[in-house]
C-alpha atoms as a PDB file:
ATOM      1  CA  MET A   1      89.388  82.990-102.423  1.00  0.00           C
ATOM      2  CA  VAL A   2      92.622  84.917-101.499  1.00  0.00           C
ATOM      3  CA  TYR A   3      90.934  86.506 -98.736  1.00  0.00           C
ATOM      4  CA  ILE A   4      89.576  83.324 -97.380  1.00  0.00           C
ATOM      5  CA  LEU A   5      93.085  81.657 -97.448  1.00  0.00           C
ATOM      6  CA  MET A   6      94.498  84.877 -95.430  1.00  0.00           C
ATOM      7  CA  GLU A   7      91.634  84.364 -93.344  1.00  0.00           C
ATOM      8  CA  LYS A   8      92.563  80.675 -92.476  1.00  0.00           C
ATOM      9  CA  GLY A   9      96.098  82.006 -91.876  1.00  0.00           C
ATOM     10  CA  LEU A  10      95.347  84.528 -89.281  1.00  0.00           C
ATOM     11  CA  LEU A  11      92.679  82.589 -87.606  1.00  0.00           C
ATOM     12  CA  GLY A  12      94.487  79.070 -87.708  1.00  0.00           C
ATOM     13  CA  LYS A  13      92.599  76.375 -85.823  1.00  0.00           C
ATOM     14  CA  LEU A  14      90.158  78.797 -84.208  1.00  0.00           C
ATOM     15  CA  THR A  15      86.275  78.129 -84.707  1.00  0.00           C
ATOM     16  CA  TYR A  16      85.171  81.627 -84.077  1.00  0.00           C
ATOM     17  CA  TYR A  17      85.967  85.383 -84.978  1.00  0.00           C
ATOM     18  CA  PRO A  18      87.594  86.743 -81.897  1.00  0.00           C
ATOM     19  CA  SER A  19      86.301  90.174 -82.592  1.00  0.00           C
ATOM     20  CA  THR A  20      82.821  89.308 -82.662  1.00  0.00           C
ATOM     21  CA  GLY A  21      82.215  85.949 -81.169  1.00  0.00           C
ATOM     22  CA  ASN A  22      80.564  84.730 -84.762  1.00  0.00           C
ATOM     23  CA  PRO A  23      81.335  81.036 -85.573  1.00  0.00           C
ATOM     24  CA  TYR A  24      83.991  80.594 -87.996  1.00  0.00           C
ATOM     25  CA  HIS A  25      84.188  77.627 -90.100  1.00  0.00           C
ATOM     26  CA  PHE A  26      86.879  77.012 -93.070  1.00  0.00           C
ATOM     27  CA  TYR A  27      85.310  74.509 -95.240  1.00  0.00           C
ATOM     28  CA  GLN A  28      81.831  76.465 -95.130  1.00  0.00           C
ATOM     29  CA  THR A  29      83.900  79.845 -95.794  1.00  0.00           C
ATOM     30  CA  VAL A  30      85.472  77.958 -99.083  1.00  0.00           C
ATOM     31  CA  TRP A  31      81.863  77.271-101.006  1.00  0.00           C
ATOM     32  CA  VAL A  32      79.937  80.082 -99.090  1.00  0.00           C
ATOM     33  CA  THR A  33      81.927  83.136-100.088  1.00  0.00           C
ATOM     34  CA  PRO A  34      82.897  82.194-103.431  1.00  0.00           C
ATOM     35  CA  LEU A  35      79.471  81.698-104.378  1.00  0.00           C
ATOM     36  CA  PHE A  36      78.095  85.030-103.344  1.00  0.00           C
ATOM     37  CA  ALA A  37      81.230  86.408-104.710  1.00  0.00           C
ATOM     38  CA  LEU A  38      80.237  84.758-108.017  1.00  0.00           C
ATOM     39  CA  ILE A  39      76.543  86.428-107.708  1.00  0.00           C
ATOM     40  CA  THR A  40      77.738  89.750-106.529  1.00  0.00           C
ATOM     41  CA  GLY A  41      80.313  89.934-109.473  1.00  0.00           C
ATOM     42  CA  LEU A  42      77.623  88.969-111.886  1.00  0.00           C
ATOM     43  CA  LEU A  43      75.308  91.620-110.595  1.00  0.00           C
ATOM     44  CA  ILE A  44      77.957  94.325-110.910  1.00  0.00           C
ATOM     45  CA  GLY A  45      78.855  93.213-114.228  1.00  0.00           C
ATOM     46  CA  VAL A  46      75.214  93.666-115.753  1.00  0.00           C
ATOM     47  CA  LEU A  47      74.930  97.147-113.686  1.00  0.00           C
ATOM     48  CA  GLU A  48      78.584  98.055-115.275  1.00  0.00           C
ATOM     49  CA  ILE A  49      77.871  97.120-118.672  1.00  0.00           C
ATOM     50  CA  TYR A  50      74.228  97.990-119.237  1.00  0.00           C
ATOM     51  CA  TYR A  51      73.966 101.178-116.839  1.00  0.00           C
ATOM     52  CA  PHE A  52      76.808 102.459-115.041  1.00  0.00           C
ATOM     53  CA  SER A  53      79.431 102.613-118.384  1.00  0.00           C
ATOM     54  CA  LYS A  54      76.882 104.524-119.831  1.00  0.00           C
ATOM     55  CA  LEU A  55      75.768 107.025-116.978  1.00  0.00           C
ATOM     56  CA  PHE A  56      79.091 108.035-115.989  1.00  0.00           C
ATOM     57  CA  ILE A  57      80.406 107.854-119.940  1.00  0.00           C
ATOM     58  CA  LYS A  58      80.718 111.741-119.851  1.00  0.00           C
ATOM     59  CA  GLU A  59      82.297 112.170-115.982  1.00  0.00           C
ATOM     60  CA  ARG A  60      85.781 113.095-115.287  1.00  0.00           C
ATOM     61  CA  PHE A  61      88.351 109.912-114.867  1.00  0.00           C
ATOM     62  CA  THR A  62      88.853 110.387-111.242  1.00  0.00           C
ATOM     63  CA  LYS A  63      84.741 111.131-110.442  1.00  0.00           C
ATOM     64  CA  LYS A  64      84.175 107.879-112.508  1.00  0.00           C
ATOM     65  CA  ILE A  65      86.261 105.622-110.380  1.00  0.00           C
ATOM     66  CA  VAL A  66      85.202 107.298-106.814  1.00  0.00           C
ATOM     67  CA  PHE A  67      81.472 107.135-107.716  1.00  0.00           C
ATOM     68  CA  LYS A  68      81.322 103.810-109.393  1.00  0.00           C
ATOM     69  CA  SER A  69      83.699 102.456-106.346  1.00  0.00           C
ATOM     70  CA  LEU A  70      81.204 103.520-103.845  1.00  0.00           C
ATOM     71  CA  ILE A  71      78.250 102.270-105.412  1.00  0.00           C
ATOM     72  CA  TYR A  72      79.725  98.893-105.682  1.00  0.00           C
ATOM     73  CA  LEU A  73      81.010  98.856-102.373  1.00  0.00           C
ATOM     74  CA  ILE A  74      77.476  99.281-101.357  1.00  0.00           C
ATOM     75  CA  ILE A  75      76.527  96.430-103.388  1.00  0.00           C
ATOM     76  CA  ILE A  76      79.190  94.095-101.912  1.00  0.00           C
ATOM     77  CA  GLY A  77      78.330  95.319 -98.490  1.00  0.00           C
ATOM     78  CA  SER A  78      74.617  94.730 -98.942  1.00  0.00           C
ATOM     79  CA  PHE A  79      75.830  90.977 -99.883  1.00  0.00           C
ATOM     80  CA  LEU A  80      78.185  90.530 -97.268  1.00  0.00           C
ATOM     81  CA  MET A  81      75.361  91.244 -94.684  1.00  0.00           C
ATOM     82  CA  LEU A  82      73.038  88.972 -96.544  1.00  0.00           C
ATOM     83  CA  THR A  83      75.715  86.274 -96.440  1.00  0.00           C
ATOM     84  CA  SER A  84      76.493  86.676 -92.829  1.00  0.00           C
ATOM     85  CA  VAL A  85      72.780  86.299 -91.797  1.00  0.00           C
ATOM     86  CA  ILE A  86      72.724  83.171 -93.865  1.00  0.00           C
ATOM     87  CA  ALA A  87      75.586  81.874 -92.015  1.00  0.00           C
ATOM     88  CA  ASN A  88      74.542  82.728 -88.854  1.00  0.00           C
ATOM     89  CA  SER A  89      71.235  81.000 -89.499  1.00  0.00           C
ATOM     90  CA  MET A  90      72.517  77.863 -90.741  1.00  0.00           C
ATOM     91  CA  ASP A  91      74.992  77.522 -87.852  1.00  0.00           C
ATOM     92  CA  GLN A  92      72.801  78.277 -85.240  1.00  0.00           C
ATOM     93  CA  HIS A  93      69.945  76.149 -86.812  1.00  0.00           C
ATOM     94  CA  LEU A  94      67.564  79.169 -86.604  1.00  0.00           C
ATOM     95  CA  PRO A  95      65.002  80.976 -88.945  1.00  0.00           C
ATOM     96  CA  LEU A  96      66.590  83.388 -91.220  1.00  0.00           C
ATOM     97  CA  PHE A  97      64.482  86.370 -89.444  1.00  0.00           C
ATOM     98  CA  ASP A  98      65.449  85.253 -85.879  1.00  0.00           C
ATOM     99  CA  ALA A  99      66.499  88.108 -83.763  1.00  0.00           C
ATOM    100  CA  TYR A 100      69.601  86.395 -82.714  1.00  0.00           C
ATOM    101  CA  VAL A 101      70.544  85.647 -86.187  1.00  0.00           C
ATOM    102  CA  TRP A 102      70.494  89.491 -87.111  1.00  0.00           C
ATOM    103  CA  ASP A 103      72.198  90.469 -83.950  1.00  0.00           C
ATOM    104  CA  LYS A 104      75.268  88.653 -84.470  1.00  0.00           C
ATOM    105  CA  ALA A 105      75.225  89.859 -87.913  1.00  0.00           C
ATOM    106  CA  LEU A 106      74.834  93.550 -86.573  1.00  0.00           C
ATOM    107  CA  ASP A 107      77.659  92.635 -84.044  1.00  0.00           C
ATOM    108  CA  PHE A 108      80.167  91.786 -87.181  1.00  0.00           C
ATOM    109  CA  PHE A 109      79.108  95.186 -88.982  1.00  0.00           C
ATOM    110  CA  THR A 110      79.687  97.107 -86.236  1.00  0.00           C
ATOM    111  CA  SER A 111      83.478  95.719 -85.379  1.00  0.00           C
ATOM    112  CA  PHE A 112      86.494  96.382 -86.519  1.00  0.00           C
ATOM    113  CA  ALA A 113      86.648  93.182 -88.581  1.00  0.00           C
ATOM    114  CA  PHE A 114      84.039  94.483 -91.193  1.00  0.00           C
ATOM    115  CA  ALA A 115      85.973  97.642 -91.415  1.00  0.00           C
ATOM    116  CA  SER A 116      89.056  95.870 -92.421  1.00  0.00           C
ATOM    117  CA  VAL A 117      87.119  93.678 -94.889  1.00  0.00           C
ATOM    118  CA  GLY A 118      85.490  97.003 -95.994  1.00  0.00           C
ATOM    119  CA  ILE A 119      89.013  98.654 -96.974  1.00  0.00           C
ATOM    120  CA  TYR A 120      90.243  95.225 -98.307  1.00  0.00           C
ATOM    121  CA  ILE A 121      87.490  95.401-100.663  1.00  0.00           C
ATOM    122  CA  ALA A 122      87.456  99.129-101.588  1.00  0.00           C
ATOM    123  CA  SER A 123      91.246  98.790-102.346  1.00  0.00           C
ATOM    124  CA  ILE A 124      90.444  96.011-104.926  1.00  0.00           C
ATOM    125  CA  LEU A 125      87.493  98.062-106.277  1.00  0.00           C
ATOM    126  CA  ILE A 126      89.606 101.496-107.051  1.00  0.00           C
ATOM    127  CA  VAL A 127      92.236  99.307-108.478  1.00  0.00           C
ATOM    128  CA  THR A 128      89.799  97.523-110.802  1.00  0.00           C
ATOM    129  CA  GLN A 129      88.099 100.590-111.727  1.00  0.00           C
ATOM    130  CA  PHE A 130      91.451 102.403-112.370  1.00  0.00           C
ATOM    131  CA  TYR A 131      92.589  99.541-114.890  1.00  0.00           C
ATOM    132  CA  ASN A 132      89.414  99.426-116.447  1.00  0.00           C
ATOM    133  CA  GLU A 133      89.209 103.341-116.815  1.00  0.00           C
ATOM    134  CA  VAL A 134      92.856 103.613-118.287  1.00  0.00           C
ATOM    135  CA  SER A 135      92.173 100.584-120.945  1.00  0.00           C
ATOM    136  CA  GLU A 136      88.804 102.394-121.750  1.00  0.00           C
ATOM    137  CA  SER A 137      91.029 105.609-121.938  1.00  0.00           C
ATOM    138  CA  ILE A 138      93.959 104.197-124.319  1.00  0.00           C
ATOM    139  CA  GLY A 139      91.990 101.588-126.205  1.00  0.00           C
ATOM    140  CA  ARG A 140      90.359  98.388-125.292  1.00  0.00           C
ATOM    141  CA  ASN A 141      92.865  95.403-125.282  1.00  0.00           C
ATOM    142  CA  VAL A 142      95.732  97.743-125.712  1.00  0.00           C
ATOM    143  CA  LEU A 143      96.759  97.722-121.821  1.00  0.00           C
ATOM    144  CA  SER A 144      96.144  93.968-121.409  1.00  0.00           C
ATOM    145  CA  ASN A 145      98.321  93.768-124.760  1.00  0.00           C
ATOM    146  CA  PHE A 146     101.288  95.928-122.967  1.00  0.00           C
ATOM    147  CA  PHE A 147     101.086  93.860-120.045  1.00  0.00           C
ATOM    148  CA  THR A 148     101.163  90.498-121.787  1.00  0.00           C
ATOM    149  CA  GLY A 149     103.811  91.719-124.318  1.00  0.00           C
ATOM    150  CA  LYS A 150     102.040  90.574-127.298  1.00  0.00           C
ATOM    151  CA  TYR A 151     103.274  92.921-129.576  1.00  0.00           C
ATOM    152  CA  HIS A 152     106.564  93.566-127.960  1.00  0.00           C
ATOM    153  CA  ARG A 153     108.150  91.909-130.897  1.00  0.00           C
ATOM    154  CA  PRO A 154     106.632  92.744-134.209  1.00  0.00           C
ATOM    155  CA  LEU A 155     103.521  90.284-135.606  1.00  0.00           C
ATOM    156  CA  GLU A 156     102.141  89.938-138.829  1.00  0.00           C
ATOM    157  CA  GLU A 157      98.446  89.476-138.718  1.00  0.00           C
ATOM    158  CA  GLN A 158      95.445  89.755-141.037  1.00  0.00           C
ATOM    159  CA  ARG A 159      93.115  92.777-139.874  1.00  0.00           C
ATOM    160  CA  ILE A 160      89.961  94.651-140.940  1.00  0.00           C
ATOM    161  CA  PHE A 161      89.886  98.449-140.965  1.00  0.00           C
ATOM    162  CA  MET A 162      87.135 100.903-140.968  1.00  0.00           C
ATOM    163  CA  PHE A 163      88.161 104.464-141.814  1.00  0.00           C
ATOM    164  CA  LEU A 164      85.322 106.808-140.789  1.00  0.00           C
ATOM    165  CA  ASP A 165      84.707 110.469-141.436  1.00  0.00           C
ATOM    166  CA  MET A 166      82.493 113.116-140.926  1.00  0.00           C
ATOM    167  CA  LYS A 167      81.196 114.964-144.048  1.00  0.00           C
ATOM    168  CA  ALA A 168      81.724 118.816-144.447  1.00  0.00           C
ATOM    169  CA  SER A 169      83.758 118.848-141.368  1.00  0.00           C
ATOM    170  CA  THR A 170      85.471 122.001-141.957  1.00  0.00           C
ATOM    171  CA  THR A 171      82.512 123.976-142.830  1.00  0.00           C
ATOM    172  CA  ILE A 172      80.784 122.813-139.625  1.00  0.00           C
ATOM    173  CA  ALA A 173      83.994 123.829-137.634  1.00  0.00           C
ATOM    174  CA  GLU A 174      83.602 127.600-139.047  1.00  0.00           C
ATOM    175  CA  ASN A 175      79.954 127.804-138.583  1.00  0.00           C
ATOM    176  CA  LEU A 176      79.967 126.647-134.739  1.00  0.00           C
ATOM    177  CA  GLY A 177      83.576 128.075-133.690  1.00  0.00           C
ATOM    178  CA  HIS A 178      86.287 125.712-132.399  1.00  0.00           C
ATOM    179  CA  LEU A 179      85.090 125.227-129.043  1.00  0.00           C
ATOM    180  CA  HIS A 180      81.398 124.321-129.734  1.00  0.00           C
ATOM    181  CA  TYR A 181      82.625 121.950-132.548  1.00  0.00           C
ATOM    182  CA  PHE A 182      84.995 120.444-130.256  1.00  0.00           C
ATOM    183  CA  GLU A 183      81.921 119.826-127.733  1.00  0.00           C
ATOM    184  CA  MET A 184      79.956 118.299-131.040  1.00  0.00           C
ATOM    185  CA  LEU A 185      83.148 115.953-131.205  1.00  0.00           C
ATOM    186  CA  LYS A 186      82.924 114.882-128.014  1.00  0.00           C
ATOM    187  CA  GLU A 187      79.194 113.658-128.200  1.00  0.00           C
ATOM    188  CA  TYR A 188      79.785 112.160-131.660  1.00  0.00           C
ATOM    189  CA  TYR A 189      82.635 109.862-130.427  1.00  0.00           C
ATOM    190  CA  ALA A 190      80.826 108.991-127.432  1.00  0.00           C
ATOM    191  CA  ASP A 191      77.931 107.975-129.634  1.00  0.00           C
ATOM    192  CA  LEU A 192      79.871 105.651-131.857  1.00  0.00           C
ATOM    193  CA  SER A 193      81.808 104.048-128.738  1.00  0.00           C
ATOM    194  CA  ASP A 194      79.025 101.518-128.253  1.00  0.00           C
ATOM    195  CA  PRO A 195      78.337 100.431-131.733  1.00  0.00           C
ATOM    196  CA  VAL A 196      82.263  99.704-131.699  1.00  0.00           C
ATOM    197  CA  MET A 197      82.232  97.854-128.394  1.00  0.00           C
ATOM    198  CA  ASN A 198      79.345  95.801-129.515  1.00  0.00           C
ATOM    199  CA  HIS A 199      80.825  94.852-132.527  1.00  0.00           C
ATOM    200  CA  SER A 200      84.126  93.544-131.414  1.00  0.00           C
ATOM    201  CA  GLY A 201      85.803  96.678-132.764  1.00  0.00           C
ATOM    202  CA  ASP A 202      88.905  98.405-131.183  1.00  0.00           C
ATOM    203  CA  VAL A 203      89.620 102.360-131.713  1.00  0.00           C
ATOM    204  CA  TYR A 204      92.907 102.349-133.804  1.00  0.00           C
ATOM    205  CA  GLN A 205      92.972 106.134-133.935  1.00  0.00           C
ATOM    206  CA  TYR A 206      91.125 109.841-133.839  1.00  0.00           C
ATOM    207  CA  VAL A 207      92.397 111.791-136.444  1.00  0.00           C
ATOM    208  CA  GLY A 208      90.358 115.218-135.936  1.00  0.00           C
ATOM    209  CA  ASP A 209      86.866 114.286-137.043  1.00  0.00           C
ATOM    210  CA  GLU A 210      87.973 111.003-138.485  1.00  0.00           C
ATOM    211  CA  ILE A 211      87.970 107.575-136.560  1.00  0.00           C
ATOM    212  CA  VAL A 212      89.913 104.649-137.496  1.00  0.00           C
ATOM    213  CA  VAL A 213      88.196 101.095-136.240  1.00  0.00           C
ATOM    214  CA  SER A 214      90.480  97.917-136.674  1.00  0.00           C
ATOM    215  CA  TRP A 215      88.812  94.393-136.280  1.00  0.00           C
ATOM    216  CA  THR A 216      90.760  90.923-136.040  1.00  0.00           C
ATOM    217  CA  LEU A 217      89.882  88.985-138.946  1.00  0.00           C
ATOM    218  CA  ALA A 218      87.893  86.756-137.207  1.00  0.00           C
ATOM    219  CA  ASN A 219      85.843  89.448-135.033  1.00  0.00           C
ATOM    220  CA  GLY A 220      85.626  91.427-137.974  1.00  0.00           C
ATOM    221  CA  ILE A 221      84.180  88.840-140.567  1.00  0.00           C
ATOM    222  CA  ARG A 222      82.064  87.080-137.397  1.00  0.00           C
ATOM    223  CA  ASN A 223      78.139  88.118-137.880  1.00  0.00           C
ATOM    224  CA  SER A 224      79.513  90.417-140.493  1.00  0.00           C
ATOM    225  CA  ASN A 225      80.534  92.978-137.415  1.00  0.00           C
ATOM    226  CA  CYS A 226      82.624  95.345-139.092  1.00  0.00           C
ATOM    227  CA  LEU A 227      79.600  96.154-141.442  1.00  0.00           C
ATOM    228  CA  GLN A 228      77.317  95.794-138.557  1.00  0.00           C
ATOM    229  CA  CYS A 229      79.035  98.406-137.100  1.00  0.00           C
ATOM    230  CA  PHE A 230      78.500 100.947-139.817  1.00  0.00           C
ATOM    231  CA  PHE A 231      74.960 100.479-139.792  1.00  0.00           C
ATOM    232  CA  ALA A 232      74.600 100.345-135.914  1.00  0.00           C
ATOM    233  CA  ILE A 233      76.562 103.867-136.226  1.00  0.00           C
ATOM    234  CA  LYS A 234      74.239 105.094-138.363  1.00  0.00           C
ATOM    235  CA  LYS A 235      71.022 104.173-136.327  1.00  0.00           C
ATOM    236  CA  VAL A 236      72.558 105.786-133.382  1.00  0.00           C
ATOM    237  CA  ILE A 237      73.354 109.116-135.130  1.00  0.00           C
ATOM    238  CA  SER A 238      69.957 108.985-136.961  1.00  0.00           C
ATOM    239  CA  LYS A 239      68.246 108.481-133.685  1.00  0.00           C
ATOM    240  CA  ARG A 240      70.050 111.633-132.136  1.00  0.00           C
ATOM    241  CA  SER A 241      69.720 113.885-135.066  1.00  0.00           C
ATOM    242  CA  GLU A 242      66.883 116.141-133.590  1.00  0.00           C
ATOM    243  CA  GLU A 243      69.112 116.230-130.198  1.00  0.00           C
ATOM    244  CA  TYR A 244      72.244 117.324-132.554  1.00  0.00           C
ATOM    245  CA  ARG A 245      70.266 120.031-134.538  1.00  0.00           C
ATOM    246  CA  GLU A 246      68.973 121.521-131.135  1.00  0.00           C
ATOM    247  CA  LYS A 247      72.221 121.785-129.517  1.00  0.00           C
ATOM    248  CA  PHE A 248      74.511 122.222-132.631  1.00  0.00           C
ATOM    249  CA  GLY A 249      72.340 123.061-135.456  1.00  0.00           C
ATOM    250  CA  VAL A 250      73.238 120.022-137.508  1.00  0.00           C
ATOM    251  CA  SER A 251      73.381 116.551-137.573  1.00  0.00           C
ATOM    252  CA  PRO A 252      76.528 114.819-138.247  1.00  0.00           C
ATOM    253  CA  GLN A 253      76.786 112.761-141.520  1.00  0.00           C
ATOM    254  CA  PHE A 254      79.909 110.463-142.318  1.00  0.00           C
ATOM    255  CA  LYS A 255      81.349 108.246-144.886  1.00  0.00           C
ATOM    256  CA  ALA A 256      83.293 104.940-144.440  1.00  0.00           C
ATOM    257  CA  GLY A 257      85.987 103.033-146.278  1.00  0.00           C
ATOM    258  CA  PHE A 258      86.467  99.451-145.563  1.00  0.00           C
ATOM    259  CA  HIS A 259      89.453  97.274-146.275  1.00  0.00           C
ATOM    260  CA  CYS A 260      91.220  94.004-145.131  1.00  0.00           C
ATOM    261  CA  GLY A 261      94.535  92.520-145.168  1.00  0.00           C
ATOM    262  CA  LYS A 262      98.191  92.007-143.562  1.00  0.00           C
ATOM    263  CA  VAL A 263      99.765  94.553-141.499  1.00  0.00           C
ATOM    264  CA  THR A 264     102.751  94.276-139.114  1.00  0.00           C
ATOM    265  CA  THR A 265     101.443  95.236-135.403  1.00  0.00           C
ATOM    266  CA  GLY A 266     104.073  95.972-132.720  1.00  0.00           C
ATOM    267  CA  GLU A 267     104.997  98.218-129.839  1.00  0.00           C
ATOM    268  CA  ILE A 268     106.620 101.803-130.798  1.00  0.00           C
ATOM    269  CA  GLY A 269     108.486 104.776-129.017  1.00  0.00           C
ATOM    270  CA  ILE A 270     110.289 104.994-125.584  1.00  0.00           C
ATOM    271  CA  ILE A 271     108.708 108.340-123.782  1.00  0.00           C
ATOM    272  CA  LYS A 272     105.118 107.333-125.103  1.00  0.00           C
ATOM    273  CA  LYS A 273     104.455 103.967-126.105  1.00  0.00           C
ATOM    274  CA  GLU A 274     101.903 102.606-128.814  1.00  0.00           C
ATOM    275  CA  ILE A 275     100.968  99.629-130.501  1.00  0.00           C
ATOM    276  CA  ILE A 276     100.576 100.372-134.070  1.00  0.00           C
ATOM    277  CA  PHE A 277      99.990  98.639-137.500  1.00  0.00           C
ATOM    278  CA  THR A 278     101.888  99.445-140.530  1.00  0.00           C
ATOM    279  CA  GLY A 279     100.981  97.963-143.715  1.00  0.00           C
ATOM    280  CA  ASP A 280      99.195  98.911-147.429  1.00  0.00           C
ATOM    281  CA  VAL A 281      95.987  98.130-146.142  1.00  0.00           C
ATOM    282  CA  LEU A 282      95.719 101.242-144.033  1.00  0.00           C
ATOM    283  CA  ASN A 283      96.539 103.760-146.801  1.00  0.00           C
ATOM    284  CA  THR A 284      94.072 101.457-149.080  1.00  0.00           C
ATOM    285  CA  ALA A 285      91.230 102.068-146.744  1.00  0.00           C
ATOM    286  CA  ALA A 286      92.005 105.630-146.507  1.00  0.00           C
ATOM    287  CA  ARG A 287      91.706 105.710-150.152  1.00  0.00           C
ATOM    288  CA  ILE A 288      88.871 103.865-150.705  1.00  0.00           C
ATOM    289  CA  GLN A 289      87.160 106.353-148.100  1.00  0.00           C
ATOM    290  CA  ALA A 290      87.987 109.406-149.928  1.00  0.00           C
ATOM    291  CA  LEU A 291      86.136 108.005-153.137  1.00  0.00           C
ATOM    292  CA  CYS A 292      82.854 107.828-151.226  1.00  0.00           C
ATOM    293  CA  ASN A 293      82.200 111.589-152.379  1.00  0.00           C
ATOM    294  CA  TYR A 294      83.048 110.898-156.102  1.00  0.00           C
ATOM    295  CA  HIS A 295      80.341 107.553-156.057  1.00  0.00           C
ATOM    296  CA  SER A 296      78.135 109.772-154.006  1.00  0.00           C
ATOM    297  CA  VAL A 297      77.593 106.811-151.017  1.00  0.00           C
ATOM    298  CA  ASP A 298      78.271 106.685-147.469  1.00  0.00           C
ATOM    299  CA  ILE A 299      79.975 103.202-147.577  1.00  0.00           C
ATOM    300  CA  LEU A 300      82.500 101.382-150.001  1.00  0.00           C
ATOM    301  CA  VAL A 301      83.955  98.345-149.418  1.00  0.00           C
ATOM    302  CA  SER A 302      86.604  96.395-151.095  1.00  0.00           C
ATOM    303  CA  GLY A 303      86.094  93.442-152.861  1.00  0.00           C
ATOM    304  CA  ASN A 304      88.789  91.543-150.943  1.00  0.00           C
ATOM    305  CA  LEU A 305      86.759  92.067-147.645  1.00  0.00           C
ATOM    306  CA  LEU A 306      83.328  91.275-149.440  1.00  0.00           C
ATOM    307  CA  LYS A 307      84.312  87.988-150.556  1.00  0.00           C
ATOM    308  CA  ILE A 308      85.187  86.730-147.170  1.00  0.00           C
ATOM    309  CA  LEU A 309      82.104  88.160-145.623  1.00  0.00           C
ATOM    310  CA  SER A 310      78.657  86.247-145.151  1.00  0.00           C
ATOM    311  CA  LEU A 311      75.817  88.852-145.535  1.00  0.00           C
ATOM    312  CA  PRO A 312      72.970  88.212-143.709  1.00  0.00           C
ATOM    313  CA  GLU A 313      69.586  89.030-145.563  1.00  0.00           C
ATOM    314  CA  GLY A 314      68.581  92.739-145.768  1.00  0.00           C
ATOM    315  CA  PHE A 315      71.708  94.042-147.179  1.00  0.00           C
ATOM    316  CA  ARG A 316      71.870  95.041-151.112  1.00  0.00           C
ATOM    317  CA  VAL A 317      75.208  95.124-152.763  1.00  0.00           C
ATOM    318  CA  THR A 318      75.966  97.432-155.585  1.00  0.00           C
ATOM    319  CA  THR A 319      79.153  97.364-157.513  1.00  0.00           C
ATOM    320  CA  PHE A 320      81.415 100.095-158.867  1.00  0.00           C
ATOM    321  CA  GLY A 321      83.888  97.902-160.842  1.00  0.00           C
ATOM    322  CA  GLU A 322      87.249  98.308-161.062  1.00  0.00           C
ATOM    323  CA  ASN A 323      88.909 101.738-159.447  1.00  0.00           C
ATOM    324  CA  GLU A 324      92.136 103.451-159.788  1.00  0.00           C
ATOM    325  CA  LEU A 325      93.373 104.469-155.981  1.00  0.00           C
ATOM    326  CA  ARG A 326      95.723 107.512-156.042  1.00  0.00           C
ATOM    327  CA  GLY A 327      99.270 105.943-155.042  1.00  0.00           C
ATOM    328  CA  ARG A 328      98.580 102.542-156.124  1.00  0.00           C
ATOM    329  CA  ASP A 329      98.850 100.772-159.506  1.00  0.00           C
ATOM    330  CA  GLU A 330      96.797  97.906-158.988  1.00  0.00           C
ATOM    331  CA  LYS A 331      93.018  98.814-159.418  1.00  0.00           C
ATOM    332  CA  ILE A 332      90.387  97.473-157.132  1.00  0.00           C
ATOM    333  CA  GLU A 333      87.096  96.788-157.234  1.00  0.00           C
ATOM    334  CA  LEU A 334      84.858  98.349-154.821  1.00  0.00           C
ATOM    335  CA  PHE A 335      81.134  97.979-153.644  1.00  0.00           C
ATOM    336  CA  THR A 336      78.415  99.992-151.637  1.00  0.00           C
ATOM    337  CA  ILE A 337      76.019  98.180-149.118  1.00  0.00           C
ATOM    338  CA  ALA A 338      72.324  99.418-148.110  1.00  0.00           C
ATOM    339  CA  ALA A 339      70.254  97.761-145.661  1.00  0.00           C
ATOM    340  CA  GLU A 340      66.919  97.255-146.874  1.00  0.00           C
END
């Protein structure tokens, strides 16, 4: 719509494009262009989510932006060609495959007018891809929260946290060597990304071999997203276990602790800004995760969280009763959950 208004401002009362002689009808453009933009946007969105975001996930920042922008520019250029052909066909009342219709469309595509449109679209693609990649790099929703100033002043909110830690990581690092171990960590965290995103989670921190994932209370309890995320991660790592063994000689195993409660969320820092959470819930979730080894389980969930979740069928819950947590006077009931 921005481009349509710019075009109208430049062409004024003209009924044709000066550079090509093709007819120009403002009111026709108002509905034809957004319609094709919507179709193009939906196609690009589907390709981005289901294909290109995975295809380029391990590529360098700049390479991802350039490659994806070029691919999307080709797609949009193809749709522009189609739009031009259809518009000329309708305006001239000629069949879609008439030679005159295609000649007029080619006149547009070989003109400076098309080059200027291409530059305009390429600029938008690069800016949006840059925003998207920066957003993914610093954490989904973090960049938008900085722009909106949501946490410029500290807020209290209810959140769910998962502390997920790789088992025997020190031994694995010693056996692999630090560089090879780091390569395994990169693949491991890449495999965790889809389950986290697909279940509405936000990566709060990577701490060595530990990842801290957070959900707003609404997102976390909806469809038991927080727990479904854990089992989705197990499924992904299990599926790739042979690949990990071939490349690194070991398949990573992990354990996780879950808890929910009130946190204070806000921006902090001057040289490097971050949005951080503070509150007892984080310490408690970390302590719960530490008890997984003691109880010989992969997952422990606090009673506070379990009582607000509506677990779907197929999950078996086992209680470990009241447990003391290091640094806390109050005991907390813990449960483990297994998928049947």
